[in-house]
Amino acid sequence: MGTISLEHSDRLYWLGRYTERVYTTLKALGRLYDKMLDSEHGYAEYLGFFGLTDTYADDHAFFHSFLFDAGNPNSAAYSLERAYDNGIVLREEISTASLSFLQMAKDTLIKAENSGNIRLSLLPLEDILYAFWGCLNEHIYDDEIRNIIYIGKTVERLDLYMRMKYPFSDVEKEFTRLLKNLSRVPRSTPFRYRTKALSVLVETLGTQEDYERGVKEALYNLSRLFEREEAIG
């Protein structure tokens, strides 16, 4: 392509990351909610995955913060706002139709906060996010634009899967997907990845035994995979 700016490359990448963060966070919190029906403060393990301190009075306070508090950088609301902010700037690249699904997701999340049945009200969000990804594929004709978004999406999923201790088989599938996406990055793109960090990831995610020994190192190098230190998000 060659015409995409570094700023827009970063925004495409973070659009992918933040949108995937919303999706995976919602899925994880949904499973956690089901497990916590018969227990209190069952979210301690979830906080531990991200090195967070328990400052919540009860389960309700925890879920409200991680779903709806836009001031909580680990919440679905925060990630959705950041995805939308990037989408606004990228309207020409991703299409107004794609952006409309992010607005729909925001509206759905707001309605869910004020509903009598939050779990039921959140169900449409998954379909809306699927529709967003489908709309991207329909309206983006430039493969490099699409690829950068999907690199961000896969990096985020891989990061969250490792932090939340998903089975190695799931991690391995996402890493294979990331490698395929990285192989499609043109040499001329301003969006470059660090070969050293990628080499470490290949080593630490080679087998389940390697992964279990080196998950912290893998997370560190995944966070340093791209050359630019300060990404726009």
Protein backbone atom coordinates (compact mmCIF):
# COMPACT_ATOMS: atom_id res chain seq x y z
CA MET A 1 0.00 0.00 0.00
CA GLY A 2 2.67 2.53 1.05
CA THR A 3 0.27 5.44 1.61
CA ILE A 4 -0.84 4.62 5.15
CA SER A 5 0.70 6.81 7.84
CA LEU A 6 2.37 5.47 10.96
CA GLU A 7 -0.31 7.18 13.06
CA HIS A 8 -3.10 5.43 11.20
CA SER A 9 -1.19 2.14 11.34
CA ASP A 10 -1.14 2.45 15.12
CA ARG A 11 -4.81 3.33 15.22
CA LEU A 12 -5.72 0.34 13.04
CA TYR A 13 -3.69 -1.91 15.34
CA TRP A 14 -5.36 -0.55 18.48
CA LEU A 15 -8.79 -0.70 16.91
CA GLY A 16 -8.20 -4.43 16.56
CA ARG A 17 -6.83 -4.77 20.07
CA TYR A 18 -9.52 -2.80 21.87
CA THR A 19 -12.40 -4.41 20.00
CA GLU A 20 -11.06 -7.87 20.76
CA ARG A 21 -10.52 -6.84 24.39
CA VAL A 22 -14.21 -5.98 24.67
CA TYR A 23 -15.22 -9.33 23.21
CA THR A 24 -12.88 -11.52 25.28
CA THR A 25 -13.59 -9.55 28.47
CA LEU A 26 -17.33 -10.04 28.03
CA LYS A 27 -16.89 -13.77 27.42
CA ALA A 28 -14.62 -14.15 30.45
CA LEU A 29 -16.93 -12.16 32.74
CA GLY A 30 -19.92 -14.16 31.54
CA ARG A 31 -18.24 -17.43 32.49
CA LEU A 32 -17.14 -15.94 35.80
CA TYR A 33 -20.67 -14.76 36.57
CA ASP A 34 -22.02 -18.27 36.06
CA LYS A 35 -19.37 -19.72 38.40
CA MET A 36 -20.06 -17.13 41.10
CA LEU A 37 -23.78 -17.76 41.47
CA ASP A 38 -23.15 -19.77 44.63
CA SER A 39 -20.10 -17.94 46.00
CA GLU A 40 -18.92 -14.51 47.04
CA HIS A 41 -15.74 -12.71 46.01
CA GLY A 42 -15.13 -15.42 43.44
CA TYR A 43 -13.50 -12.83 41.21
CA ALA A 44 -10.21 -12.85 43.13
CA GLU A 45 -8.61 -15.21 40.61
CA TYR A 46 -9.67 -12.97 37.73
CA LEU A 47 -8.04 -9.95 39.39
CA GLY A 48 -4.94 -12.04 39.97
CA PHE A 49 -4.61 -12.75 36.26
CA PHE A 50 -3.95 -9.04 35.72
CA GLY A 51 -2.13 -8.27 38.98
CA LEU A 52 -5.00 -6.14 40.27
CA THR A 53 -5.93 -5.45 43.90
CA ASP A 54 -9.38 -6.32 45.25
CA THR A 55 -10.95 -2.98 46.15
CA TYR A 56 -14.55 -4.07 45.57
CA ALA A 57 -17.19 -4.29 48.27
CA ASP A 58 -18.99 -7.23 46.68
CA ASP A 59 -19.62 -9.14 43.46
CA HIS A 60 -22.02 -6.51 42.17
CA ALA A 61 -19.44 -3.75 42.54
CA PHE A 62 -16.83 -5.84 40.74
CA PHE A 63 -19.04 -6.65 37.78
CA HIS A 64 -20.35 -3.12 37.50
CA SER A 65 -16.82 -1.75 37.38
CA PHE A 66 -15.48 -4.27 34.85
CA LEU A 67 -18.49 -3.94 32.60
CA PHE A 68 -19.63 -0.33 32.76
CA ASP A 69 -17.00 1.89 34.41
CA ALA A 70 -15.34 3.83 31.58
CA GLY A 71 -12.79 5.06 34.12
CA ASN A 72 -11.57 1.51 34.74
CA PRO A 73 -8.94 0.74 32.05
CA ASN A 74 -9.72 -2.96 32.42
CA SER A 75 -13.44 -2.60 31.75
CA ALA A 76 -15.45 -3.42 28.65
CA ALA A 77 -16.76 0.17 28.61
CA TYR A 78 -13.25 1.66 28.59
CA SER A 79 -12.07 -0.61 25.75
CA LEU A 80 -15.20 0.07 23.72
CA GLU A 81 -14.70 3.82 24.05
CA ARG A 82 -11.09 3.53 22.91
CA ALA A 83 -12.11 1.34 19.96
CA TYR A 84 -14.75 3.87 18.97
CA ASP A 85 -12.30 6.79 19.32
CA ASN A 86 -9.92 5.07 16.92
CA GLY A 87 -12.77 4.12 14.62
CA ILE A 88 -13.86 7.75 14.32
CA VAL A 89 -10.44 8.74 12.99
CA LEU A 90 -10.37 5.69 10.70
CA ARG A 91 -13.86 6.17 9.29
CA GLU A 92 -12.58 6.40 5.70
CA GLU A 93 -10.47 3.25 6.09
CA ILE A 94 -13.06 1.05 7.83
CA SER A 95 -16.29 2.59 6.46
CA THR A 96 -19.13 4.38 8.21
CA ALA A 97 -21.10 1.12 8.22
CA SER A 98 -18.42 -0.59 10.32
CA LEU A 99 -18.23 2.35 12.71
CA SER A 100 -22.00 2.21 13.20
CA PHE A 101 -21.65 -1.23 14.78
CA LEU A 102 -19.27 0.18 17.38
CA GLN A 103 -21.85 2.87 18.15
CA MET A 104 -24.50 0.16 18.41
CA ALA A 105 -22.27 -1.75 20.83
CA LYS A 106 -21.86 1.37 22.98
CA ASP A 107 -25.62 1.95 23.03
CA THR A 108 -26.24 -1.68 23.98
CA LEU A 109 -23.77 -1.51 26.85
CA ILE A 110 -25.40 1.66 28.20
CA LYS A 111 -28.85 0.09 28.03
CA ALA A 112 -27.60 -3.05 29.78
CA GLU A 113 -26.29 -1.00 32.71
CA ASN A 114 -29.75 0.41 33.30
CA SER A 115 -31.69 -2.79 32.69
CA GLY A 116 -33.22 -5.14 35.23
CA ASN A 117 -31.45 -8.14 33.74
CA ILE A 118 -27.88 -7.22 32.85
CA ARG A 119 -26.87 -10.75 31.77
CA LEU A 120 -29.74 -10.95 29.27
CA SER A 121 -29.25 -7.38 28.05
CA LEU A 122 -25.60 -8.05 27.22
CA LEU A 123 -26.32 -11.04 24.99
CA PRO A 124 -26.72 -8.97 21.77
CA LEU A 125 -23.23 -7.50 22.20
CA GLU A 126 -21.51 -10.63 20.96
CA ASP A 127 -23.56 -10.61 17.74
CA ILE A 128 -22.91 -6.90 17.27
CA LEU A 129 -19.16 -7.43 17.52
CA TYR A 130 -19.34 -10.33 15.08
CA ALA A 131 -21.27 -8.03 12.74
CA PHE A 132 -18.54 -5.40 13.13
CA TRP A 133 -15.85 -7.85 12.04
CA GLY A 134 -18.00 -9.04 9.16
CA CYS A 135 -18.61 -5.47 8.03
CA LEU A 136 -14.87 -4.79 8.07
CA ASN A 137 -14.30 -7.72 5.74
CA GLU A 138 -17.06 -6.51 3.45
CA HIS A 139 -15.98 -2.88 3.20
CA ILE A 140 -12.18 -2.91 3.48
CA TYR A 141 -10.56 -3.52 0.10
CA ASP A 142 -7.00 -2.82 1.12
CA ASP A 143 -5.43 -6.01 2.47
CA GLU A 144 -2.80 -4.14 4.50
CA ILE A 145 -5.42 -2.15 6.39
CA ARG A 146 -7.37 -5.31 7.17
CA ASN A 147 -4.21 -7.19 8.13
CA ILE A 148 -3.04 -4.57 10.64
CA ILE A 149 -6.43 -4.62 12.35
CA TYR A 150 -6.35 -8.40 12.55
CA ILE A 151 -2.79 -8.38 13.87
CA GLY A 152 -4.01 -6.18 16.72
CA LYS A 153 -7.01 -8.46 17.26
CA THR A 154 -4.85 -11.58 17.43
CA VAL A 155 -2.16 -10.00 19.63
CA GLU A 156 -4.85 -8.96 22.12
CA ARG A 157 -6.49 -12.36 22.19
CA LEU A 158 -3.13 -14.06 22.61
CA ASP A 159 -2.21 -11.71 25.46
CA LEU A 160 -5.49 -12.28 27.29
CA TYR A 161 -5.45 -16.03 26.73
CA MET A 162 -2.00 -16.28 28.29
CA ARG A 163 -2.88 -14.04 31.22
CA MET A 164 -6.11 -15.93 31.92
CA LYS A 165 -4.33 -19.30 31.64
CA TYR A 166 -6.24 -20.68 28.70
CA PRO A 167 -5.21 -24.18 27.54
CA PHE A 168 -2.03 -24.27 25.48
CA SER A 169 -3.99 -25.58 22.49
CA ASP A 170 -5.94 -22.29 22.38
CA VAL A 171 -2.79 -20.21 22.78
CA GLU A 172 -1.04 -22.21 20.06
CA LYS A 173 -3.88 -21.63 17.58
CA GLU A 174 -3.82 -17.88 18.14
CA PHE A 175 -0.05 -17.73 17.84
CA THR A 176 -0.20 -19.65 14.54
CA ARG A 177 -2.78 -17.14 13.34
CA LEU A 178 -0.54 -14.25 14.40
CA LEU A 179 2.43 -15.70 12.51
CA LYS A 180 0.33 -15.95 9.35
CA ASN A 181 -0.78 -12.33 9.70
CA LEU A 182 2.76 -11.13 10.33
CA SER A 183 3.98 -12.95 7.22
CA ARG A 184 1.63 -10.78 5.16
CA VAL A 185 3.05 -7.46 6.36
CA PRO A 186 4.65 -5.72 3.34
CA ARG A 187 8.26 -4.60 3.67
CA SER A 188 7.22 -1.05 2.82
CA THR A 189 4.76 -0.70 5.69
CA PRO A 190 5.66 1.69 8.54
CA PHE A 191 4.17 -0.88 10.91
CA ARG A 192 7.15 -3.12 11.65
CA TYR A 193 7.64 -5.87 14.21
CA ARG A 194 10.73 -6.70 16.23
CA THR A 195 12.34 -9.87 14.92
CA LYS A 196 14.09 -10.51 18.24
CA ALA A 197 10.83 -10.39 20.19
CA LEU A 198 9.20 -12.67 17.63
CA SER A 199 12.08 -15.14 17.90
CA VAL A 200 11.59 -15.35 21.66
CA LEU A 201 7.86 -15.93 21.16
CA VAL A 202 8.60 -18.76 18.75
CA GLU A 203 10.87 -20.36 21.34
CA THR A 204 8.58 -19.90 24.35
CA LEU A 205 5.41 -20.98 22.54
CA GLY A 206 6.92 -23.94 20.70
CA THR A 207 5.55 -26.65 22.97
CA GLN A 208 3.33 -26.84 26.02
CA GLU A 209 6.40 -27.42 28.21
CA ASP A 210 8.13 -24.35 26.76
CA TYR A 211 4.97 -22.33 27.30
CA GLU A 212 4.55 -23.38 30.92
CA ARG A 213 8.16 -22.45 31.65
CA GLY A 214 8.23 -19.21 29.72
CA VAL A 215 4.75 -17.66 29.81
CA LYS A 216 5.98 -14.52 31.58
CA GLU A 217 8.75 -14.09 29.03
CA ALA A 218 6.24 -14.65 26.24
CA LEU A 219 3.94 -11.95 27.59
CA TYR A 220 6.83 -9.51 27.92
CA ASN A 221 7.99 -10.03 24.34
CA LEU A 222 4.46 -9.94 22.98
CA SER A 223 4.13 -6.47 24.52
CA ARG A 224 7.35 -5.42 22.73
CA LEU A 225 6.59 -7.03 19.39
CA PHE A 226 6.34 -3.76 17.44
CA GLU A 227 9.03 -1.17 16.98
CA ARG A 228 7.17 1.92 18.04
CA GLU A 229 7.27 2.30 21.82
CA GLU A 230 4.28 4.65 22.19
CA ALA A 231 1.24 3.35 20.34
CA ILE A 232 -1.87 5.44 19.92
CA GLY A 233 -4.77 3.90 21.79
